[in-house]
Amino acid sequence: MGHHVVLLDHSTEATVARLRALLPEGWTLTAGTARGDEHMKEIIAEADFAIAGQVGVGAEVLGAARKLKLLQKWGVGYDNLDLEAARRLGIKVARTTGSNAAPVAEFTLGLMLSTLRQIAWSHMHMQAGEWKGGRMPRESYLLGGKTVGIVGFGAIGSRVAALLRGFECTVLYTQRTRLPPDEEAARGVRHASIDEIIERADVISLHCPLTPATANLFSDDAFRRMKNTAVLITVARGGVVDEPALARALAAREILAAAADVFAEEPLPADSPLVGLDHVVLTPHLAAGSVDVFAPTVRRMFRNMKHVADGEPVPAIDSLVE
C-alpha cells in the first residue's frame, strides 16, 4: 500500500526530486511551496507522514492532520516541534540522532578558522575589489594550542573535540553527565564547569540543545566574563545566545569575534543587530547540509516511516514520542 509523505519546509525542486528518488516503492511526496502555518496546515491534512527540518510545527498544524502517523524531524534538535501536542494527538515523533555530527563538526571547525583568521571578512572585501591586507579590523590568532570550551558533548561536540586534537588544543567540555576519567584521557578532554569555560576558554563552541536551562545562556554577564580575545561559535540552537547582548559585546570589544549559524528568528531579519558588524561571521543555518550525508539520512527517515507503516516501533535511538 502506498503512503503519502509531505515535506513541510519550503524546498527547492532539486531537493524534492532527490527525496522522491529515495522514496519506498509506491509512496508519494509533496513539499511546501510557501512559508507559514496556513500553508503547512493545508499540505499536512491528508499526509500519512510529515518531515520537518527548520520549520516550527505547532499544535494548530498538527491538529490539521487527519491521518498523520509520524512527524519525522530532519535532523536532531526538536525544540521547533510541539511534542506535547503530538502526544495528545497520538502522533509519533522521530529524529535522526547523530546523522549530522560529521558535517556540523567540520563546519564548526571552519567557523573557528574563518573567525580567528578573518577569512570571511577578507573574502568579502576581495569580492568587492578591495585589497585589505594589513588593514584588518582586529588581530588574527592561531587555533593551534588554544583552550577550547565545548558546551554540550553529544555526538557533535565530541566530534569537534576529536578534530581539535590535530591542533593540539586544550579541550574543556561541559555536560550534565561527566565521562569516566579513562574516557576523558582517551579523548584528550577535561570536564569543566560552564563558569570555568566562560572565563578560561579562547574559543567557546556551543553544541547544547535549547531548553529552559540553556535559553540565553550566553548573555551580558557571560560576555563580560569572557576574555576580550575570546571567540564564540554557535551552531547549537537559536535562543541559546542572547543576540542583542552578543551585538553589544562585539561593539564594545568585550570579546574578539563570533560566528553564528543559528538564530532565535530564522530567516535572520535584515535589521538584526548582528548584521553589518565586521567581527562576526554569519551563515544561514547550513552547518548540517552536506551531499555526503543526504542519502543516508533520508533513507533512515524513510525506514522510520516504514516501521510505523508496518505497525512496528521506531528504533529507540530515533524515537521521541511513541
C-alpha atoms as a PDB file:
ATOM      1  CA  MET A   1       0.000   0.000   0.000  1.00  0.00           C
ATOM      2  CA  GLY A   2       1.320   3.444  -0.894  1.00  0.00           C
ATOM      3  CA  HIS A   3       1.648   6.235   1.639  1.00  0.00           C
ATOM      4  CA  HIS A   4       1.889   9.974   1.224  1.00  0.00           C
ATOM      5  CA  VAL A   5       4.771  11.978   2.702  1.00  0.00           C
ATOM      6  CA  VAL A   6       4.861  15.757   2.990  1.00  0.00           C
ATOM      7  CA  LEU A   7       7.993  17.866   3.465  1.00  0.00           C
ATOM      8  CA  LEU A   8       6.795  20.870   5.445  1.00  0.00           C
ATOM      9  CA  ASP A   9       9.825  23.056   4.695  1.00  0.00           C
ATOM     10  CA  HIS A  10       9.796  25.304   1.649  1.00  0.00           C
ATOM     11  CA  SER A  11      12.360  23.486  -0.506  1.00  0.00           C
ATOM     12  CA  THR A  12      13.928  23.636  -3.943  1.00  0.00           C
ATOM     13  CA  GLU A  13      12.725  21.459  -6.804  1.00  0.00           C
ATOM     14  CA  ALA A  14      16.131  19.767  -6.842  1.00  0.00           C
ATOM     15  CA  THR A  15      15.842  18.748  -3.186  1.00  0.00           C
ATOM     16  CA  VAL A  16      12.320  17.418  -3.706  1.00  0.00           C
ATOM     17  CA  ALA A  17      13.479  15.396  -6.707  1.00  0.00           C
ATOM     18  CA  ARG A  18      16.309  13.842  -4.705  1.00  0.00           C
ATOM     19  CA  LEU A  19      13.856  12.921  -1.939  1.00  0.00           C
ATOM     20  CA  ARG A  20      11.434  11.328  -4.397  1.00  0.00           C
ATOM     21  CA  ALA A  21      14.243   9.233  -5.875  1.00  0.00           C
ATOM     22  CA  LEU A  22      14.718   7.597  -2.459  1.00  0.00           C
ATOM     23  CA  LEU A  23      11.039   7.028  -1.620  1.00  0.00           C
ATOM     24  CA  PRO A  24       9.821   3.489  -0.886  1.00  0.00           C
ATOM     25  CA  GLU A  25       8.144   1.975  -3.931  1.00  0.00           C
ATOM     26  CA  GLY A  26       4.589   3.164  -4.392  1.00  0.00           C
ATOM     27  CA  TRP A  27       4.895   6.098  -1.986  1.00  0.00           C
ATOM     28  CA  THR A  28       4.341   9.739  -2.984  1.00  0.00           C
ATOM     29  CA  LEU A  29       5.796  13.005  -1.714  1.00  0.00           C
ATOM     30  CA  THR A  30       4.884  16.677  -1.898  1.00  0.00           C
ATOM     31  CA  ALA A  31       6.709  19.644  -0.426  1.00  0.00           C
ATOM     32  CA  GLY A  32       5.899  23.080   0.855  1.00  0.00           C
ATOM     33  CA  THR A  33       5.821  25.843  -1.719  1.00  0.00           C
ATOM     34  CA  ALA A  34       5.287  28.694   0.740  1.00  0.00           C
ATOM     35  CA  ARG A  35       6.130  29.566   4.327  1.00  0.00           C
ATOM     36  CA  GLY A  36       3.746  29.831   7.245  1.00  0.00           C
ATOM     37  CA  ASP A  37       1.307  27.777   9.303  1.00  0.00           C
ATOM     38  CA  GLU A  38      -1.647  28.156   6.960  1.00  0.00           C
ATOM     39  CA  HIS A  39       0.215  26.537   4.088  1.00  0.00           C
ATOM     40  CA  MET A  40       1.524  23.751   6.334  1.00  0.00           C
ATOM     41  CA  LYS A  41      -1.997  23.067   7.625  1.00  0.00           C
ATOM     42  CA  GLU A  42      -3.164  22.704   4.052  1.00  0.00           C
ATOM     43  CA  ILE A  43      -0.473  20.276   2.901  1.00  0.00           C
ATOM     44  CA  ILE A  44      -0.376  18.164   6.059  1.00  0.00           C
ATOM     45  CA  ALA A  45      -4.121  17.490   6.039  1.00  0.00           C
ATOM     46  CA  GLU A  46      -4.021  14.213   4.075  1.00  0.00           C
ATOM     47  CA  ALA A  47      -0.420  13.172   4.775  1.00  0.00           C
ATOM     48  CA  ASP A  48       0.457   9.840   6.375  1.00  0.00           C
ATOM     49  CA  PHE A  49       3.926  11.085   7.300  1.00  0.00           C
ATOM     50  CA  ALA A  50       5.469  14.548   7.605  1.00  0.00           C
ATOM     51  CA  ILE A  51       9.081  15.710   7.551  1.00  0.00           C
ATOM     52  CA  ALA A  52      10.130  18.912   9.323  1.00  0.00           C
ATOM     53  CA  GLY A  53      13.588  20.419   9.068  1.00  0.00           C
ATOM     54  CA  GLN A  54      13.889  24.013  10.247  1.00  0.00           C
ATOM     55  CA  VAL A  55      10.199  24.953  10.297  1.00  0.00           C
ATOM     56  CA  GLY A  56       8.320  25.192  13.559  1.00  0.00           C
ATOM     57  CA  VAL A  57       5.457  22.700  13.814  1.00  0.00           C
ATOM     58  CA  GLY A  58       2.921  23.660  16.464  1.00  0.00           C
ATOM     59  CA  ALA A  59      -0.350  22.320  17.789  1.00  0.00           C
ATOM     60  CA  GLU A  60      -2.504  24.013  15.132  1.00  0.00           C
ATOM     61  CA  VAL A  61      -0.538  22.475  12.274  1.00  0.00           C
ATOM     62  CA  LEU A  62      -0.577  19.016  13.862  1.00  0.00           C
ATOM     63  CA  GLY A  63      -4.263  19.374  14.606  1.00  0.00           C
ATOM     64  CA  ALA A  64      -4.969  19.906  10.904  1.00  0.00           C
ATOM     65  CA  ALA A  65      -3.530  16.468  10.073  1.00  0.00           C
ATOM     66  CA  ARG A  66      -6.354  13.980   9.666  1.00  0.00           C
ATOM     67  CA  LYS A  67      -4.328  10.763   9.413  1.00  0.00           C
ATOM     68  CA  LEU A  68      -0.722  11.601  10.319  1.00  0.00           C
ATOM     69  CA  LYS A  69       1.140   8.628  11.802  1.00  0.00           C
ATOM     70  CA  LEU A  70       4.626  10.079  12.254  1.00  0.00           C
ATOM     71  CA  LEU A  71       6.271  13.511  12.352  1.00  0.00           C
ATOM     72  CA  GLN A  72       9.891  12.984  11.326  1.00  0.00           C
ATOM     73  CA  LYS A  73      12.468  15.606  12.277  1.00  0.00           C
ATOM     74  CA  TRP A  74      15.120  16.008   9.582  1.00  0.00           C
ATOM     75  CA  GLY A  75      17.976  16.494  11.999  1.00  0.00           C
ATOM     76  CA  VAL A  76      18.406  16.343  15.739  1.00  0.00           C
ATOM     77  CA  GLY A  77      17.129  19.462  17.539  1.00  0.00           C
ATOM     78  CA  TYR A  78      13.420  19.198  18.302  1.00  0.00           C
ATOM     79  CA  ASP A  79      12.675  22.497  20.082  1.00  0.00           C
ATOM     80  CA  ASN A  80      10.736  23.559  16.968  1.00  0.00           C
ATOM     81  CA  LEU A  81       8.263  20.664  17.377  1.00  0.00           C
ATOM     82  CA  ASP A  82       5.302  20.645  19.792  1.00  0.00           C
ATOM     83  CA  LEU A  83       5.870  17.248  21.397  1.00  0.00           C
ATOM     84  CA  GLU A  84       3.012  17.636  23.871  1.00  0.00           C
ATOM     85  CA  ALA A  85       0.552  18.259  21.054  1.00  0.00           C
ATOM     86  CA  ALA A  86       1.906  15.219  19.220  1.00  0.00           C
ATOM     87  CA  ARG A  87       1.400  13.044  22.300  1.00  0.00           C
ATOM     88  CA  ARG A  88      -2.095  14.347  22.787  1.00  0.00           C
ATOM     89  CA  LEU A  89      -2.980  13.638  19.165  1.00  0.00           C
ATOM     90  CA  GLY A  90      -1.349  10.207  19.129  1.00  0.00           C
ATOM     91  CA  ILE A  91       1.270  11.188  16.541  1.00  0.00           C
ATOM     92  CA  LYS A  92       4.654   9.514  16.829  1.00  0.00           C
ATOM     93  CA  VAL A  93       7.726  11.765  16.547  1.00  0.00           C
ATOM     94  CA  ALA A  94      11.220  10.707  15.471  1.00  0.00           C
ATOM     95  CA  ARG A  95      14.546  12.323  14.624  1.00  0.00           C
ATOM     96  CA  THR A  96      17.822  11.198  13.037  1.00  0.00           C
ATOM     97  CA  THR A  97      20.109  11.155  16.048  1.00  0.00           C
ATOM     98  CA  GLY A  98      23.772  11.662  15.199  1.00  0.00           C
ATOM     99  CA  SER A  99      23.172  11.940  11.451  1.00  0.00           C
ATOM    100  CA  ASN A 100      24.570  15.464  11.224  1.00  0.00           C
ATOM    101  CA  ALA A 101      27.522  15.040  13.590  1.00  0.00           C
ATOM    102  CA  ALA A 102      30.245  14.912  10.925  1.00  0.00           C
ATOM    103  CA  PRO A 103      29.073  17.843   8.752  1.00  0.00           C
ATOM    104  CA  VAL A 104      28.273  20.097  11.719  1.00  0.00           C
ATOM    105  CA  ALA A 105      31.587  19.318  13.425  1.00  0.00           C
ATOM    106  CA  GLU A 106      33.554  20.109  10.266  1.00  0.00           C
ATOM    107  CA  PHE A 107      31.543  23.278   9.719  1.00  0.00           C
ATOM    108  CA  THR A 108      32.268  24.300  13.313  1.00  0.00           C
ATOM    109  CA  LEU A 109      35.974  23.935  12.716  1.00  0.00           C
ATOM    110  CA  GLY A 110      35.606  26.011   9.568  1.00  0.00           C
ATOM    111  CA  LEU A 111      33.854  28.784  11.507  1.00  0.00           C
ATOM    112  CA  MET A 112      36.616  28.764  14.124  1.00  0.00           C
ATOM    113  CA  LEU A 113      39.318  29.211  11.483  1.00  0.00           C
ATOM    114  CA  SER A 114      37.320  31.719   9.461  1.00  0.00           C
ATOM    115  CA  THR A 115      36.678  33.847  12.529  1.00  0.00           C
ATOM    116  CA  LEU A 116      40.116  33.653  14.140  1.00  0.00           C
ATOM    117  CA  ARG A 117      41.938  34.276  10.848  1.00  0.00           C
ATOM    118  CA  GLN A 118      39.377  36.738   9.387  1.00  0.00           C
ATOM    119  CA  ILE A 119      38.919  34.647   6.254  1.00  0.00           C
ATOM    120  CA  ALA A 120      35.274  35.595   5.683  1.00  0.00           C
ATOM    121  CA  TRP A 121      35.946  39.316   6.222  1.00  0.00           C
ATOM    122  CA  SER A 122      38.897  39.267   3.832  1.00  0.00           C
ATOM    123  CA  HIS A 123      36.945  37.340   1.183  1.00  0.00           C
ATOM    124  CA  MET A 124      34.052  39.803   1.360  1.00  0.00           C
ATOM    125  CA  HIS A 125      36.353  42.752   0.686  1.00  0.00           C
ATOM    126  CA  MET A 126      38.280  40.962  -2.075  1.00  0.00           C
ATOM    127  CA  GLN A 127      34.971  40.257  -3.828  1.00  0.00           C
ATOM    128  CA  ALA A 128      34.221  43.977  -3.590  1.00  0.00           C
ATOM    129  CA  GLY A 129      37.550  44.741  -5.277  1.00  0.00           C
ATOM    130  CA  GLU A 130      39.230  45.949  -2.074  1.00  0.00           C
ATOM    131  CA  TRP A 131      42.708  44.817  -1.039  1.00  0.00           C
ATOM    132  CA  LYS A 132      42.674  44.966   2.768  1.00  0.00           C
ATOM    133  CA  GLY A 133      45.952  43.184   3.545  1.00  0.00           C
ATOM    134  CA  GLY A 134      47.451  44.705   6.681  1.00  0.00           C
ATOM    135  CA  ARG A 135      44.312  46.738   7.421  1.00  0.00           C
ATOM    136  CA  MET A 136      42.088  44.163   9.058  1.00  0.00           C
ATOM    137  CA  PRO A 137      39.711  45.296  11.826  1.00  0.00           C
ATOM    138  CA  ARG A 138      41.332  43.162  14.525  1.00  0.00           C
ATOM    139  CA  GLU A 139      44.298  40.916  15.204  1.00  0.00           C
ATOM    140  CA  SER A 140      44.336  37.353  13.863  1.00  0.00           C
ATOM    141  CA  TYR A 141      45.032  34.347  16.066  1.00  0.00           C
ATOM    142  CA  LEU A 142      46.013  30.718  15.540  1.00  0.00           C
ATOM    143  CA  LEU A 143      43.629  27.973  16.566  1.00  0.00           C
ATOM    144  CA  GLY A 144      46.549  25.696  17.367  1.00  0.00           C
ATOM    145  CA  GLY A 145      47.395  25.472  21.047  1.00  0.00           C
ATOM    146  CA  LYS A 146      44.338  27.406  22.236  1.00  0.00           C
ATOM    147  CA  THR A 147      41.954  26.435  25.033  1.00  0.00           C
ATOM    148  CA  VAL A 148      38.601  25.484  23.516  1.00  0.00           C
ATOM    149  CA  GLY A 149      35.486  25.105  25.623  1.00  0.00           C
ATOM    150  CA  ILE A 150      32.757  22.845  24.251  1.00  0.00           C
ATOM    151  CA  VAL A 151      29.296  23.363  25.724  1.00  0.00           C
ATOM    152  CA  GLY A 152      27.348  20.169  25.087  1.00  0.00           C
ATOM    153  CA  PHE A 153      29.306  16.982  24.484  1.00  0.00           C
ATOM    154  CA  GLY A 154      26.967  14.788  22.468  1.00  0.00           C
ATOM    155  CA  ALA A 155      27.633  13.389  19.011  1.00  0.00           C
ATOM    156  CA  ILE A 156      28.592  16.784  17.552  1.00  0.00           C
ATOM    157  CA  GLY A 157      30.543  18.228  20.476  1.00  0.00           C
ATOM    158  CA  SER A 158      32.608  15.074  20.886  1.00  0.00           C
ATOM    159  CA  ARG A 159      33.351  15.038  17.153  1.00  0.00           C
ATOM    160  CA  VAL A 160      34.554  18.643  17.338  1.00  0.00           C
ATOM    161  CA  ALA A 161      36.875  17.612  20.168  1.00  0.00           C
ATOM    162  CA  ALA A 162      38.295  14.826  18.019  1.00  0.00           C
ATOM    163  CA  LEU A 163      39.022  17.241  15.169  1.00  0.00           C
ATOM    164  CA  LEU A 164      40.735  19.654  17.550  1.00  0.00           C
ATOM    165  CA  ARG A 165      43.287  17.042  18.631  1.00  0.00           C
ATOM    166  CA  GLY A 166      45.194  17.749  15.423  1.00  0.00           C
ATOM    167  CA  PHE A 167      45.514  21.384  16.530  1.00  0.00           C
ATOM    168  CA  GLU A 168      46.951  20.434  19.934  1.00  0.00           C
ATOM    169  CA  CYS A 169      44.233  22.395  21.705  1.00  0.00           C
ATOM    170  CA  THR A 170      43.370  22.097  25.368  1.00  0.00           C
ATOM    171  CA  VAL A 171      39.747  20.970  25.262  1.00  0.00           C
ATOM    172  CA  LEU A 172      37.355  21.597  28.132  1.00  0.00           C
ATOM    173  CA  TYR A 173      33.816  20.257  27.937  1.00  0.00           C
ATOM    174  CA  THR A 174      30.673  20.609  29.982  1.00  0.00           C
ATOM    175  CA  GLN A 175      27.567  18.448  30.063  1.00  0.00           C
ATOM    176  CA  ARG A 176      25.243  17.078  32.719  1.00  0.00           C
ATOM    177  CA  THR A 177      26.911  13.653  32.804  1.00  0.00           C
ATOM    178  CA  ARG A 178      30.672  13.568  33.141  1.00  0.00           C
ATOM    179  CA  LEU A 179      32.655  10.981  31.204  1.00  0.00           C
ATOM    180  CA  PRO A 180      34.667   8.388  33.150  1.00  0.00           C
ATOM    181  CA  PRO A 181      38.259   9.554  33.748  1.00  0.00           C
ATOM    182  CA  ASP A 182      39.753   6.932  31.424  1.00  0.00           C
ATOM    183  CA  GLU A 183      37.440   8.009  28.601  1.00  0.00           C
ATOM    184  CA  GLU A 184      38.338  11.670  29.171  1.00  0.00           C
ATOM    185  CA  ALA A 185      42.006  10.730  28.922  1.00  0.00           C
ATOM    186  CA  ALA A 186      41.445   8.717  25.745  1.00  0.00           C
ATOM    187  CA  ARG A 187      39.588  11.621  24.115  1.00  0.00           C
ATOM    188  CA  GLY A 188      42.065  14.221  25.359  1.00  0.00           C
ATOM    189  CA  VAL A 189      39.418  16.330  27.108  1.00  0.00           C
ATOM    190  CA  ARG A 190      38.688  17.542  30.641  1.00  0.00           C
ATOM    191  CA  HIS A 191      35.343  18.237  32.266  1.00  0.00           C
ATOM    192  CA  ALA A 192      34.835  21.824  33.440  1.00  0.00           C
ATOM    193  CA  SER A 193      32.038  23.966  34.786  1.00  0.00           C
ATOM    194  CA  ILE A 194      30.332  26.439  32.487  1.00  0.00           C
ATOM    195  CA  ASP A 195      31.861  29.235  34.581  1.00  0.00           C
ATOM    196  CA  GLU A 196      35.385  27.895  34.042  1.00  0.00           C
ATOM    197  CA  ILE A 197      34.794  27.630  30.304  1.00  0.00           C
ATOM    198  CA  ILE A 198      33.426  31.178  30.115  1.00  0.00           C
ATOM    199  CA  GLU A 199      36.422  32.599  31.979  1.00  0.00           C
ATOM    200  CA  ARG A 200      39.266  30.444  30.595  1.00  0.00           C
ATOM    201  CA  ALA A 201      38.475  29.478  27.005  1.00  0.00           C
ATOM    202  CA  ASP A 202      39.951  31.218  23.983  1.00  0.00           C
ATOM    203  CA  VAL A 203      37.222  29.688  21.821  1.00  0.00           C
ATOM    204  CA  ILE A 204      33.791  28.650  23.097  1.00  0.00           C
ATOM    205  CA  SER A 205      31.788  26.331  20.854  1.00  0.00           C
ATOM    206  CA  LEU A 206      28.095  25.771  21.599  1.00  0.00           C
ATOM    207  CA  HIS A 207      26.504  22.376  20.871  1.00  0.00           C
ATOM    208  CA  CYS A 208      23.797  22.156  23.533  1.00  0.00           C
ATOM    209  CA  PRO A 209      20.032  21.873  22.989  1.00  0.00           C
ATOM    210  CA  LEU A 210      17.697  24.788  23.622  1.00  0.00           C
ATOM    211  CA  THR A 211      15.966  24.182  26.954  1.00  0.00           C
ATOM    212  CA  PRO A 212      14.744  26.448  29.763  1.00  0.00           C
ATOM    213  CA  ALA A 213      18.168  25.934  31.368  1.00  0.00           C
ATOM    214  CA  THR A 214      20.122  26.980  28.259  1.00  0.00           C
ATOM    215  CA  ALA A 215      17.905  29.801  26.952  1.00  0.00           C
ATOM    216  CA  ASN A 216      20.054  32.974  26.787  1.00  0.00           C
ATOM    217  CA  LEU A 217      22.863  31.030  28.451  1.00  0.00           C
ATOM    218  CA  PHE A 218      25.261  33.467  26.828  1.00  0.00           C
ATOM    219  CA  SER A 219      24.122  36.983  27.625  1.00  0.00           C
ATOM    220  CA  ASP A 220      25.635  40.197  29.032  1.00  0.00           C
ATOM    221  CA  ASP A 221      27.101  38.608  32.171  1.00  0.00           C
ATOM    222  CA  ALA A 222      28.804  35.785  30.265  1.00  0.00           C
ATOM    223  CA  PHE A 223      30.268  38.136  27.682  1.00  0.00           C
ATOM    224  CA  ARG A 224      31.660  40.422  30.388  1.00  0.00           C
ATOM    225  CA  ARG A 225      33.439  37.442  31.967  1.00  0.00           C
ATOM    226  CA  MET A 226      34.916  36.081  28.726  1.00  0.00           C
ATOM    227  CA  LYS A 227      38.415  37.016  27.640  1.00  0.00           C
ATOM    228  CA  ASN A 228      38.474  40.063  25.402  1.00  0.00           C
ATOM    229  CA  THR A 229      40.425  37.903  22.933  1.00  0.00           C
ATOM    230  CA  ALA A 230      37.831  35.102  23.029  1.00  0.00           C
ATOM    231  CA  VAL A 231      35.689  33.895  20.139  1.00  0.00           C
ATOM    232  CA  LEU A 232      32.158  32.469  20.409  1.00  0.00           C
ATOM    233  CA  ILE A 233      30.940  29.866  17.901  1.00  0.00           C
ATOM    234  CA  THR A 234      27.275  28.892  17.916  1.00  0.00           C
ATOM    235  CA  VAL A 235      25.914  26.026  15.844  1.00  0.00           C
ATOM    236  CA  ALA A 236      23.568  24.869  18.613  1.00  0.00           C
ATOM    237  CA  ARG A 237      20.060  26.349  18.516  1.00  0.00           C
ATOM    238  CA  GLY A 238      18.857  29.904  18.178  1.00  0.00           C
ATOM    239  CA  GLY A 239      17.986  31.216  21.618  1.00  0.00           C
ATOM    240  CA  VAL A 240      20.996  29.806  23.479  1.00  0.00           C
ATOM    241  CA  VAL A 241      22.701  33.126  22.728  1.00  0.00           C
ATOM    242  CA  ASP A 242      21.124  36.484  23.555  1.00  0.00           C
ATOM    243  CA  GLU A 243      21.719  38.095  20.161  1.00  0.00           C
ATOM    244  CA  PRO A 244      21.320  41.768  21.181  1.00  0.00           C
ATOM    245  CA  ALA A 245      23.736  41.113  24.077  1.00  0.00           C
ATOM    246  CA  LEU A 246      26.194  39.487  21.668  1.00  0.00           C
ATOM    247  CA  ALA A 247      25.986  42.519  19.378  1.00  0.00           C
ATOM    248  CA  ARG A 248      26.656  44.810  22.355  1.00  0.00           C
ATOM    249  CA  ALA A 249      29.642  42.717  23.446  1.00  0.00           C
ATOM    250  CA  LEU A 250      31.115  42.760  19.941  1.00  0.00           C
ATOM    251  CA  ALA A 251      30.592  46.505  19.534  1.00  0.00           C
ATOM    252  CA  ALA A 252      32.193  47.153  22.935  1.00  0.00           C
ATOM    253  CA  ARG A 253      35.097  44.782  22.127  1.00  0.00           C
ATOM    254  CA  GLU A 254      34.285  42.727  25.235  1.00  0.00           C
ATOM    255  CA  ILE A 255      35.055  39.676  23.093  1.00  0.00           C
ATOM    256  CA  LEU A 256      37.140  39.416  19.942  1.00  0.00           C
ATOM    257  CA  ALA A 257      34.658  37.930  17.486  1.00  0.00           C
ATOM    258  CA  ALA A 258      31.831  35.474  16.955  1.00  0.00           C
ATOM    259  CA  ALA A 259      30.319  33.168  14.365  1.00  0.00           C
ATOM    260  CA  ALA A 260      26.709  32.019  14.237  1.00  0.00           C
ATOM    261  CA  ASP A 261      24.846  29.542  12.049  1.00  0.00           C
ATOM    262  CA  VAL A 262      21.623  29.513  14.111  1.00  0.00           C
ATOM    263  CA  PHE A 263      19.384  32.340  15.285  1.00  0.00           C
ATOM    264  CA  ALA A 264      16.392  32.971  17.511  1.00  0.00           C
ATOM    265  CA  GLU A 265      14.391  34.042  14.450  1.00  0.00           C
ATOM    266  CA  GLU A 266      15.042  32.416  11.093  1.00  0.00           C
ATOM    267  CA  PRO A 267      15.497  33.698   8.464  1.00  0.00           C
ATOM    268  CA  LEU A 268      17.589  36.264  10.339  1.00  0.00           C
ATOM    269  CA  PRO A 269      15.871  39.672  10.000  1.00  0.00           C
ATOM    270  CA  ALA A 270      17.770  42.218   7.933  1.00  0.00           C
ATOM    271  CA  ASP A 271      17.623  44.637  10.875  1.00  0.00           C
ATOM    272  CA  SER A 272      19.255  42.196  13.310  1.00  0.00           C
ATOM    273  CA  PRO A 273      21.920  43.975  15.405  1.00  0.00           C
ATOM    274  CA  LEU A 274      24.392  41.318  14.242  1.00  0.00           C
ATOM    275  CA  VAL A 275      24.108  42.268  10.574  1.00  0.00           C
ATOM    276  CA  GLY A 276      26.847  44.598   9.360  1.00  0.00           C
ATOM    277  CA  LEU A 277      29.328  44.021  12.189  1.00  0.00           C
ATOM    278  CA  ASP A 278      32.844  43.454  10.881  1.00  0.00           C
ATOM    279  CA  HIS A 279      33.829  40.927  13.567  1.00  0.00           C
ATOM    280  CA  VAL A 280      31.060  38.365  13.214  1.00  0.00           C
ATOM    281  CA  VAL A 281      30.634  35.567  10.661  1.00  0.00           C
ATOM    282  CA  LEU A 282      27.000  34.751   9.852  1.00  0.00           C
ATOM    283  CA  THR A 283      25.757  31.711   7.908  1.00  0.00           C
ATOM    284  CA  PRO A 284      22.116  30.728   7.195  1.00  0.00           C
ATOM    285  CA  HIS A 285      21.661  27.532   9.258  1.00  0.00           C
ATOM    286  CA  LEU A 286      23.512  25.307   6.828  1.00  0.00           C
ATOM    287  CA  ALA A 287      26.067  23.512   9.010  1.00  0.00           C
ATOM    288  CA  ALA A 288      24.299  20.159   8.650  1.00  0.00           C
ATOM    289  CA  GLY A 289      23.969  20.384   4.881  1.00  0.00           C
ATOM    290  CA  SER A 290      26.287  18.034   3.015  1.00  0.00           C
ATOM    291  CA  VAL A 291      25.639  15.888  -0.049  1.00  0.00           C
ATOM    292  CA  ASP A 292      27.666  13.119   1.603  1.00  0.00           C
ATOM    293  CA  VAL A 293      25.058  12.565   4.317  1.00  0.00           C
ATOM    294  CA  PHE A 294      21.901  13.395   2.342  1.00  0.00           C
ATOM    295  CA  ALA A 295      21.020   9.927   1.061  1.00  0.00           C
ATOM    296  CA  PRO A 296      21.911   8.004   4.258  1.00  0.00           C
ATOM    297  CA  THR A 297      19.846  10.403   6.375  1.00  0.00           C
ATOM    298  CA  VAL A 298      16.850  10.356   4.024  1.00  0.00           C
ATOM    299  CA  ARG A 299      16.893   6.557   3.847  1.00  0.00           C
ATOM    300  CA  ARG A 300      16.925   6.471   7.623  1.00  0.00           C
ATOM    301  CA  MET A 301      13.891   8.775   7.792  1.00  0.00           C
ATOM    302  CA  PHE A 302      12.004   6.608   5.322  1.00  0.00           C
ATOM    303  CA  ARG A 303      12.951   3.471   7.295  1.00  0.00           C
ATOM    304  CA  ASN A 304      11.390   5.051  10.391  1.00  0.00           C
ATOM    305  CA  MET A 305       8.230   5.671   8.398  1.00  0.00           C
ATOM    306  CA  LYS A 306       8.240   2.102   7.085  1.00  0.00           C
ATOM    307  CA  HIS A 307       8.456   0.785  10.646  1.00  0.00           C
ATOM    308  CA  VAL A 308       5.392   2.792  11.597  1.00  0.00           C
ATOM    309  CA  ALA A 309       3.521   1.846   8.417  1.00  0.00           C
ATOM    310  CA  ASP A 310       4.179  -1.828   9.239  1.00  0.00           C
ATOM    311  CA  GLY A 311       2.936  -1.411  12.815  1.00  0.00           C
ATOM    312  CA  GLU A 312       6.434  -1.585  14.292  1.00  0.00           C
ATOM    313  CA  PRO A 313       8.047   0.842  16.766  1.00  0.00           C
ATOM    314  CA  VAL A 314      10.554   3.440  15.632  1.00  0.00           C
ATOM    315  CA  PRO A 315      14.079   2.344  16.643  1.00  0.00           C
ATOM    316  CA  ALA A 316      14.772   3.598  20.168  1.00  0.00           C
ATOM    317  CA  ILE A 317      17.716   5.756  19.087  1.00  0.00           C
ATOM    318  CA  ASP A 318      15.412   7.879  16.915  1.00  0.00           C
ATOM    319  CA  SER A 319      12.138   7.800  18.824  1.00  0.00           C
ATOM    320  CA  LEU A 320      10.935  10.944  20.613  1.00  0.00           C
ATOM    321  CA  VAL A 321       7.230  10.226  21.025  1.00  0.00           C
ATOM    322  CA  GLU A 322       5.779   6.731  20.840  1.00  0.00           C
END
